[in-house]
Each structure stands twice: as C-alpha cells, then as structure tokens.
Amino acid sequence: MNKKVLVLGAGNMGASHARAYHKLDGFEIGGIVTRSAGSREKLAESLGGDIACFGDYEEALKTVQPDCVSINTYPETHAAYAIAAMEAGAHVFLEKPLAPTVEEAQKVVDVATRLNKKLCIGYILRHHPSWIKFIEIARTLGNPLVMRMNLNQQSHGDMWNTHRNLMNSMSPIVDCGVHYVDVMCQMTQSKPVRVSAIGARLSDELNDGMYNYGQLQVTFENGSVGWYEAGWGPMMSEVAFFVKDVVGPKGCVSIVADKAGGESESSNVDSHTKTEALRVHHAGLDDKNEFIQADEIINLEDEPDHDALCEREQAYFLKAINEDIDLTDHMNDGVNSLRIVLAAEQSFKEGRTIDL
C-alpha cells in the first residue's frame, strides 16, 4: 500500500521532493501545504491537479492523516512541524538543517526515538554517487586531511528573495554549511574539536546582526582541518563559487566541475551538486623526485540532476520506513553537523575560537 505523504512548502526543495513522491511507486501525495495559495495550486496542477491544497498545517494534518510528512519550509518552523507530524503518527522527511538551535534539533531526534518514527534529514549529497566516491577516495589519502570547500551564490530575482527570507533566521554558513561539515566528518571519521569563523555583512537589506558572507574553519582530533565558505547575494563573485578538494599525505582528490563553475551558474540549484569528474593526484615520488603515477580523471557516468537526486533521497526514505532501517546514526550526524556550524556562528559573533 502506498504511503500517503503531506508536502509542506512548494519552493525549490518542496517542489522537487513533491515531484519525487509523485513519480515513485510507494508514495502518493495526500496534500500540499503552503502559505501562498498560488504556489501550492501551481505545484498541484503540475502534478496532475487532483491534489488537496491547504494553507493551514494543523488542518492538513487532521484532514489528510498522512503516513509521512515532508517538511521543506524555512528552518525556524522545522522543529515544531516535525514534532507535530510525529505526534500525529507520521514519519518525517525534514530538510536540513534540523532546527535553528541544537536544543530544538535534539528534541526532534528524541521525539522520533520515543515514538519510533523514521526521521530522514535532507542531506542530499549522501545520495549522490560522485560525492560518495569523493568521500571514499578522500579516506585513502592518509591523515591528516586538508579539506577545502565553498558554495558562493550570486543570487538575484526570486533566488535573492529566497535567500533574504532564509537570512531572517539563518546565515549561509549555517544553512549550507551543515552539508559540507557532514561531508568533512565522513571523510575524517574523527571527532571535531574546535571551530572558528569570519564573516561580513555585504547588504543593507538584511536584519540587524545577520551577515551574508562567512567562512568557517574546523579542526579535528586527528589533526585534519577543513574550511567552508558561503556567500549569498547579487554582489557575490562567480569566479570561484565551486571549490571542492581534499589533500592528504598520499595525494589529493578534487571535484572538476567546469560547467558548474561557468558564468551565472551559482544561483542554479542544479549546479550545486554537479561533479562531472574527479581528479585524483598521487603524491608518490621516485628517486629523482618525479611523480610515479600520473593524475587520474574519474568520469562517473551516473550524474543525476537535482530532481533525480531528490528522487533517490525519497526512495531511501521509503526504504527506511518499509525495511525499518535504524536511522540513529543518521539523526545524530544531523545534530552533530548543526552543532559545529552553530559554534562557527558563535565564533564569528564573539570573535573567538570555540572548543567543541
């Protein structure tokens, strides 16, 4: 029997996940909830039209009585919406980050554990075959690792509206940083011990205290270090918005994404996960200090676009429900990555390094 899913949010992520539920055997969309009547009706129409639409979440929960709730709203609503869904008997797919605070995130995880409900967090890179390979190769490079990653977005039009709305409650290094800190933790398999950050406010359109550019630096117990940089807005540079590489004693691996790094691509969500190829460099030298091995270029044929990645993510959610997969580590990883990026934000605001 298909799982009836209630979809909250019809923006980039909500619409992509809705298309995934519509396409996958095992799900059926029981309703769409948004604040905007136009956006929910437009999404419902694109999926065939015969889908109930709601402006009120509590009403939708009572009416639809879903098996699952997919939460793709602004982060400040995540904890309350997720807990309400689980208390109503539903499993939850929750877009990252879990919540605006570690305490709220832990509460969501605790409720999922107590009620024995599946809580799947939207770490989409965990389902990308090229990123999985990227992490696998990084683990072969020895320790410590040096991890360099960024995702700057030259946003304008509707995307700048979205980013400004997000920044009512969350900075770029928190909202996007959880993805890449999660990747770093997977690569090092080591405990993060301290974090620091810098930041800058580059727009007068932001709330007081908010900043739209930041860079965090994490140090791990095994000596590995990583930095992540994120900036949003019409002033951001397109020259180097996509840097993803890892260096270790034995060499390095880098994502080669010439198309993703092309002009005016940073605001396109499809470009955020593109890999195109991995370049692997081996550090071994002969007796003349020349490289023993030439660099390898690994072209992975399986390169899903954003919607296809969302489909894989939701297929995993369905599998977790049907096969009763233990998501304890998955949920704890979600809290851990949030703890790190929020400590980075604290570091920026207080001007000091934070011990974790």
Protein backbone atom coordinates (compact mmCIF):
# COMPACT_ATOMS: atom_id res chain seq x y z
CA MET A 1 0.00 0.00 0.00
CA ASN A 2 1.29 3.45 -0.91
CA LYS A 3 2.41 5.81 1.85
CA LYS A 4 0.30 8.95 1.91
CA VAL A 5 2.59 11.96 2.18
CA LEU A 6 1.77 15.55 3.13
CA VAL A 7 4.18 18.03 1.49
CA LEU A 8 4.95 21.30 3.27
CA GLY A 9 6.50 24.00 1.10
CA ALA A 10 6.49 24.47 -2.67
CA GLY A 11 9.82 26.23 -3.20
CA ASN A 12 12.86 24.66 -4.89
CA MET A 13 13.17 21.76 -2.45
CA GLY A 14 9.47 21.25 -1.76
CA ALA A 15 8.62 21.13 -5.46
CA SER A 16 11.50 18.75 -6.23
CA HIS A 17 10.51 16.39 -3.42
CA ALA A 18 6.85 16.55 -4.47
CA ARG A 19 7.81 15.51 -7.99
CA ALA A 20 9.77 12.61 -6.48
CA TYR A 21 6.79 11.41 -4.42
CA HIS A 22 4.56 11.74 -7.49
CA LYS A 23 6.95 9.62 -9.57
CA LEU A 24 7.94 6.92 -7.06
CA ASP A 25 5.94 3.74 -6.57
CA GLY A 26 5.17 3.50 -2.88
CA PHE A 27 4.16 7.13 -2.29
CA GLU A 28 1.06 9.14 -3.05
CA ILE A 29 0.68 12.84 -2.31
CA GLY A 30 -2.22 13.39 0.08
CA GLY A 31 -1.88 17.15 0.21
CA ILE A 32 0.28 20.23 -0.27
CA VAL A 33 0.60 22.95 2.38
CA THR A 34 1.98 26.45 1.71
CA ARG A 35 1.27 29.97 2.88
CA SER A 36 0.79 31.03 -0.75
CA ALA A 37 -2.37 29.74 -2.43
CA GLY A 38 -0.87 30.39 -5.85
CA SER A 39 2.27 28.34 -5.27
CA ARG A 40 0.50 25.28 -3.86
CA GLU A 41 -2.12 25.31 -6.61
CA LYS A 42 0.55 25.72 -9.27
CA LEU A 43 2.50 22.75 -7.89
CA ALA A 44 -0.65 20.63 -7.61
CA GLU A 45 -1.56 21.46 -11.20
CA SER A 46 1.91 20.47 -12.42
CA LEU A 47 1.41 17.07 -10.76
CA GLY A 48 -1.95 16.38 -12.35
CA GLY A 49 -4.23 18.72 -10.43
CA ASP A 50 -6.13 16.24 -8.24
CA ILE A 51 -4.29 17.02 -5.00
CA ALA A 52 -5.75 18.65 -1.90
CA CYS A 53 -4.25 22.05 -1.06
CA PHE A 54 -4.10 23.70 2.35
CA GLY A 55 -2.99 26.97 3.87
CA ASP A 56 -3.06 25.67 7.45
CA TYR A 57 -0.73 22.85 8.58
CA GLU A 58 -2.82 21.72 11.57
CA GLU A 59 -5.94 21.45 9.39
CA ALA A 60 -3.99 19.49 6.78
CA LEU A 61 -2.68 17.00 9.36
CA LYS A 62 -6.19 16.34 10.66
CA THR A 63 -7.75 16.11 7.21
CA VAL A 64 -5.12 14.09 5.34
CA GLN A 65 -3.97 11.87 8.25
CA PRO A 66 -0.70 11.21 6.41
CA ASP A 67 1.68 8.31 6.82
CA CYS A 68 4.57 10.70 6.13
CA VAL A 69 5.15 14.44 6.25
CA SER A 70 7.77 16.13 4.06
CA ILE A 71 8.90 19.43 5.60
CA ASN A 72 10.55 21.88 3.18
CA THR A 73 9.79 25.18 4.90
CA TYR A 74 12.01 27.84 6.49
CA PRO A 75 14.24 26.47 9.28
CA GLU A 76 12.52 28.27 12.16
CA THR A 77 9.42 26.08 11.56
CA HIS A 78 11.23 22.74 11.29
CA ALA A 79 11.20 21.54 14.90
CA ALA A 80 7.56 22.38 15.65
CA TYR A 81 6.29 20.98 12.35
CA ALA A 82 8.32 17.76 12.67
CA ILE A 83 7.21 17.11 16.25
CA ALA A 84 3.55 17.76 15.37
CA ALA A 85 3.81 15.32 12.45
CA MET A 86 5.35 12.54 14.55
CA GLU A 87 2.85 13.05 17.37
CA ALA A 88 0.12 12.69 14.73
CA GLY A 89 1.60 9.29 13.81
CA ALA A 90 3.61 10.21 10.72
CA HIS A 91 7.18 9.51 9.68
CA VAL A 92 9.09 12.67 8.72
CA PHE A 93 11.39 13.78 5.95
CA LEU A 94 12.93 17.05 7.16
CA GLU A 95 15.02 19.35 5.02
CA LYS A 96 18.30 20.45 6.57
CA PRO A 97 19.09 21.95 8.96
CA LEU A 98 17.11 20.12 11.63
CA ALA A 99 16.32 23.32 13.55
CA PRO A 100 17.74 26.78 14.38
CA THR A 101 19.26 25.52 17.65
CA VAL A 102 20.96 22.36 18.85
CA GLU A 103 18.44 22.05 21.69
CA GLU A 104 15.49 22.07 19.29
CA ALA A 105 17.26 19.64 16.95
CA GLN A 106 17.93 17.22 19.79
CA LYS A 107 14.29 17.46 20.86
CA VAL A 108 13.16 16.46 17.35
CA VAL A 109 15.50 13.45 17.43
CA ASP A 110 14.35 12.49 20.92
CA VAL A 111 10.69 12.56 19.84
CA ALA A 112 11.46 10.40 16.78
CA THR A 113 13.22 7.90 19.02
CA ARG A 114 10.48 7.87 21.66
CA LEU A 115 7.67 7.45 19.13
CA ASN A 116 9.67 5.04 16.93
CA LYS A 117 9.19 7.20 13.85
CA LYS A 118 11.60 7.47 10.94
CA LEU A 119 13.25 10.89 10.74
CA CYS A 120 15.17 11.30 7.50
CA ILE A 121 17.17 14.54 7.15
CA GLY A 122 17.74 16.18 3.77
CA TYR A 123 21.46 15.56 3.36
CA ILE A 124 21.16 15.18 -0.39
CA LEU A 125 24.91 14.72 -1.01
CA ARG A 126 24.75 11.39 0.84
CA HIS A 127 22.78 10.06 -2.12
CA HIS A 128 24.99 11.41 -4.93
CA PRO A 129 27.19 8.64 -6.41
CA SER A 130 30.02 11.04 -7.27
CA TRP A 131 30.07 12.56 -3.78
CA ILE A 132 30.02 9.06 -2.29
CA LYS A 133 33.09 8.26 -4.43
CA PHE A 134 34.69 11.58 -3.48
CA ILE A 135 34.43 10.68 0.22
CA GLU A 136 35.65 7.12 -0.45
CA ILE A 137 38.81 8.36 -2.19
CA ALA A 138 39.45 11.02 0.47
CA ARG A 139 39.60 8.27 3.08
CA THR A 140 42.52 6.65 1.21
CA LEU A 141 44.74 9.75 1.33
CA GLY A 142 46.03 9.26 4.87
CA ASN A 143 45.79 11.63 7.82
CA PRO A 144 45.60 14.47 8.46
CA LEU A 145 43.34 15.74 5.69
CA VAL A 146 43.05 19.31 4.46
CA MET A 147 39.51 19.89 3.15
CA ARG A 148 38.63 22.98 1.12
CA MET A 149 35.03 23.62 0.11
CA ASN A 150 32.80 26.52 -0.80
CA LEU A 151 29.46 27.38 -2.36
CA ASN A 152 29.04 31.08 -3.07
CA GLN A 153 25.85 32.08 -4.89
CA GLN A 154 25.38 35.21 -6.97
CA SER A 155 21.68 35.29 -6.26
CA HIS A 156 19.19 37.67 -7.87
CA GLY A 157 15.50 37.79 -8.72
CA ASP A 158 13.42 35.18 -6.90
CA MET A 159 16.55 33.47 -5.52
CA TRP A 160 17.65 36.68 -3.77
CA ASN A 161 14.15 36.89 -2.27
CA THR A 162 14.52 33.31 -1.04
CA HIS A 163 17.97 33.96 0.40
CA ARG A 164 16.81 37.13 2.20
CA ASN A 165 13.91 35.20 3.70
CA LEU A 166 16.26 32.44 4.83
CA MET A 167 18.53 35.01 6.42
CA ASN A 168 15.68 36.18 8.65
CA SER A 169 16.75 33.28 10.85
CA MET A 170 19.89 31.64 9.48
CA SER A 171 23.20 32.63 7.87
CA PRO A 172 24.65 30.94 4.74
CA ILE A 173 27.39 29.13 6.68
CA VAL A 174 24.72 27.52 8.87
CA ASP A 175 22.09 26.71 6.23
CA CYS A 176 24.51 25.32 3.62
CA GLY A 177 27.39 24.56 5.95
CA VAL A 178 25.70 21.54 7.53
CA HIS A 179 26.03 19.70 4.18
CA TYR A 180 29.75 20.22 3.85
CA VAL A 181 30.64 19.81 7.51
CA ASP A 182 28.77 16.50 7.32
CA VAL A 183 30.96 15.54 4.35
CA MET A 184 34.11 16.51 6.29
CA CYS A 185 33.06 14.38 9.25
CA GLN A 186 32.51 11.42 6.92
CA MET A 187 35.93 11.93 5.32
CA THR A 188 37.93 12.24 8.52
CA GLN A 189 35.92 9.79 10.67
CA SER A 190 37.37 11.84 13.52
CA LYS A 191 35.89 13.99 16.27
CA PRO A 192 35.77 17.77 15.62
CA VAL A 193 37.48 19.60 18.49
CA ARG A 194 37.30 23.33 17.70
CA VAL A 195 35.87 25.76 15.19
CA SER A 196 36.36 29.40 14.25
CA ALA A 197 34.78 31.68 11.66
CA ILE A 198 34.89 35.03 9.92
CA GLY A 199 32.03 36.85 8.26
CA ALA A 200 30.87 40.08 6.64
CA ARG A 201 27.58 41.91 6.10
CA LEU A 202 27.52 42.94 2.46
CA SER A 203 23.93 44.15 2.14
CA ASP A 204 21.80 46.74 3.96
CA GLU A 205 18.72 44.64 3.14
CA LEU A 206 19.44 42.18 5.96
CA ASN A 207 18.15 42.16 9.52
CA ASP A 208 20.42 43.60 12.18
CA GLY A 209 23.08 41.10 13.22
CA MET A 210 22.75 38.97 10.09
CA TYR A 211 25.60 38.55 7.59
CA ASN A 212 25.52 37.13 4.07
CA TYR A 213 29.16 36.01 3.74
CA GLY A 214 31.03 33.67 6.06
CA GLN A 215 33.84 31.17 6.26
CA LEU A 216 34.26 28.56 8.98
CA GLN A 217 37.33 26.51 9.89
CA VAL A 218 37.12 23.17 11.71
CA THR A 219 39.95 21.24 13.39
CA PHE A 220 39.56 17.51 14.07
CA GLU A 221 41.04 15.28 16.75
CA ASN A 222 43.33 13.50 14.25
CA GLY A 223 44.83 16.82 13.06
CA SER A 224 42.63 17.17 9.97
CA VAL A 225 41.43 20.67 9.10
CA GLY A 226 38.70 21.95 6.84
CA TRP A 227 37.21 25.22 5.72
CA TYR A 228 33.85 26.04 4.20
CA GLU A 229 32.89 29.36 2.62
CA ALA A 230 29.42 30.56 1.67
CA GLY A 231 28.03 33.88 0.49
CA TRP A 232 24.63 34.84 -0.93
CA GLY A 233 23.60 37.91 -2.86
CA PRO A 234 23.84 39.94 -6.06
CA MET A 235 27.32 41.15 -5.12
CA MET A 236 28.94 37.69 -4.94
CA SER A 237 31.63 36.65 -7.43
CA GLU A 238 31.05 33.90 -9.99
CA VAL A 239 34.80 33.33 -10.41
CA ALA A 240 35.26 30.79 -7.62
CA PHE A 241 31.91 29.71 -6.28
CA PHE A 242 32.62 25.98 -6.56
CA VAL A 243 35.74 24.63 -4.83
CA LYS A 244 35.72 21.06 -3.54
CA ASP A 245 39.04 19.34 -2.89
CA VAL A 246 40.82 17.29 -0.26
CA VAL A 247 44.56 16.94 0.34
CA GLY A 248 46.27 14.23 2.40
CA PRO A 249 49.82 12.89 2.81
CA LYS A 250 49.29 10.48 -0.10
CA GLY A 251 47.85 12.98 -2.58
CA CYS A 252 44.61 14.76 -3.27
CA VAL A 253 41.21 14.43 -4.88
CA SER A 254 39.26 17.30 -6.41
CA ILE A 255 35.86 17.71 -7.99
CA VAL A 256 36.35 19.04 -11.51
CA ALA A 257 33.21 20.96 -12.42
CA ASP A 258 33.97 23.29 -15.31
CA LYS A 259 30.31 23.56 -16.30
CA ALA A 260 29.21 24.11 -12.72
CA GLY A 261 31.77 26.89 -12.48
CA GLY A 262 30.58 28.64 -15.61
CA GLU A 263 29.23 32.14 -15.85
CA SER A 264 25.95 32.84 -13.99
CA GLU A 265 25.61 29.27 -12.74
CA SER A 266 25.93 29.75 -8.99
CA SER A 267 22.25 30.61 -8.49
CA ASN A 268 21.17 27.48 -10.38
CA VAL A 269 20.44 24.73 -7.85
CA ASP A 270 21.44 22.02 -10.36
CA SER A 271 25.00 23.38 -10.40
CA HIS A 272 25.42 22.90 -6.64
CA THR A 273 25.84 19.12 -6.87
CA LYS A 274 27.46 18.73 -10.30
CA THR A 275 30.76 16.87 -10.31
CA GLU A 276 31.42 15.97 -13.97
CA ALA A 277 34.70 14.28 -12.93
CA LEU A 278 37.03 13.58 -10.04
CA ARG A 279 40.74 14.30 -10.41
CA VAL A 280 42.96 12.09 -8.24
CA HIS A 281 46.59 13.08 -7.69
CA HIS A 282 49.16 10.66 -6.19
CA ALA A 283 52.00 12.17 -4.15
CA GLY A 284 54.47 9.30 -4.54
CA LEU A 285 57.93 10.30 -5.91
CA ASP A 286 60.77 8.31 -7.46
CA ASP A 287 64.47 8.71 -6.63
CA LYS A 288 64.58 11.85 -8.82
CA ASN A 289 61.60 13.39 -7.01
CA GLU A 290 59.38 12.90 -10.04
CA PHE A 291 55.84 11.60 -9.71
CA ILE A 292 55.49 7.86 -10.05
CA GLN A 293 51.86 7.98 -11.18
CA ALA A 294 50.06 10.37 -13.49
CA ASP A 295 46.88 12.00 -12.23
CA GLU A 296 43.70 10.02 -12.79
CA ILE A 297 40.48 11.50 -14.14
CA ILE A 298 37.47 9.53 -12.97
CA ASN A 299 34.39 10.22 -15.07
CA LEU A 300 31.33 8.79 -13.38
CA GLU A 301 28.51 8.15 -15.82
CA ASP A 302 25.88 8.28 -13.08
CA GLU A 303 25.42 12.04 -12.72
CA PRO A 304 21.85 12.70 -11.53
CA ASP A 305 20.37 16.19 -11.74
CA HIS A 306 18.73 17.85 -8.75
CA ASP A 307 15.31 16.26 -9.23
CA ALA A 308 16.85 12.82 -9.77
CA LEU A 309 18.84 13.25 -6.55
CA CYS A 310 15.67 14.17 -4.66
CA GLU A 311 14.07 11.04 -6.09
CA ARG A 312 16.94 8.90 -4.73
CA GLU A 313 16.66 10.64 -1.39
CA GLN A 314 12.94 9.91 -1.14
CA ALA A 315 13.47 6.32 -2.29
CA TYR A 316 15.80 5.93 0.70
CA PHE A 317 13.17 7.47 2.99
CA LEU A 318 10.64 4.93 1.73
CA LYS A 319 13.13 2.09 2.18
CA ALA A 320 13.87 3.22 5.74
CA ILE A 321 10.16 3.02 6.54
CA ASN A 322 9.43 -0.27 4.77
CA GLU A 323 12.56 -2.07 5.98
CA ASP A 324 12.68 -0.45 9.43
CA ILE A 325 16.23 0.85 8.89
CA ASP A 326 17.88 2.16 12.04
CA LEU A 327 18.42 5.90 11.49
CA THR A 328 20.04 6.58 14.87
CA ASP A 329 23.47 7.43 13.43
CA HIS A 330 21.84 9.45 10.63
CA MET A 331 19.90 11.56 13.15
CA ASN A 332 22.89 12.01 15.46
CA ASP A 333 25.02 13.12 12.49
CA GLY A 334 22.37 15.75 11.73
CA VAL A 335 22.60 17.15 15.25
CA ASN A 336 26.41 16.99 15.22
CA SER A 337 26.86 18.93 11.97
CA LEU A 338 24.38 21.55 13.20
CA ARG A 339 26.30 21.87 16.47
CA ILE A 340 29.51 22.58 14.53
CA VAL A 341 28.10 25.27 12.23
CA LEU A 342 26.26 26.99 15.08
CA ALA A 343 29.52 27.02 17.05
CA ALA A 344 31.10 28.66 14.00
CA GLU A 345 28.41 31.32 14.06
CA GLN A 346 29.09 31.87 17.76
CA SER A 347 32.80 32.18 16.93
CA PHE A 348 32.12 34.91 14.37
CA LYS A 349 29.82 36.86 16.65
CA GLU A 350 32.11 36.63 19.69
CA GLY A 351 35.41 36.95 17.83
CA ARG A 352 36.99 33.83 19.33
CA THR A 353 37.67 30.16 18.66
CA ILE A 354 35.08 27.78 20.11
CA ASP A 355 36.10 24.46 21.65
CA LEU A 356 33.61 21.74 20.85
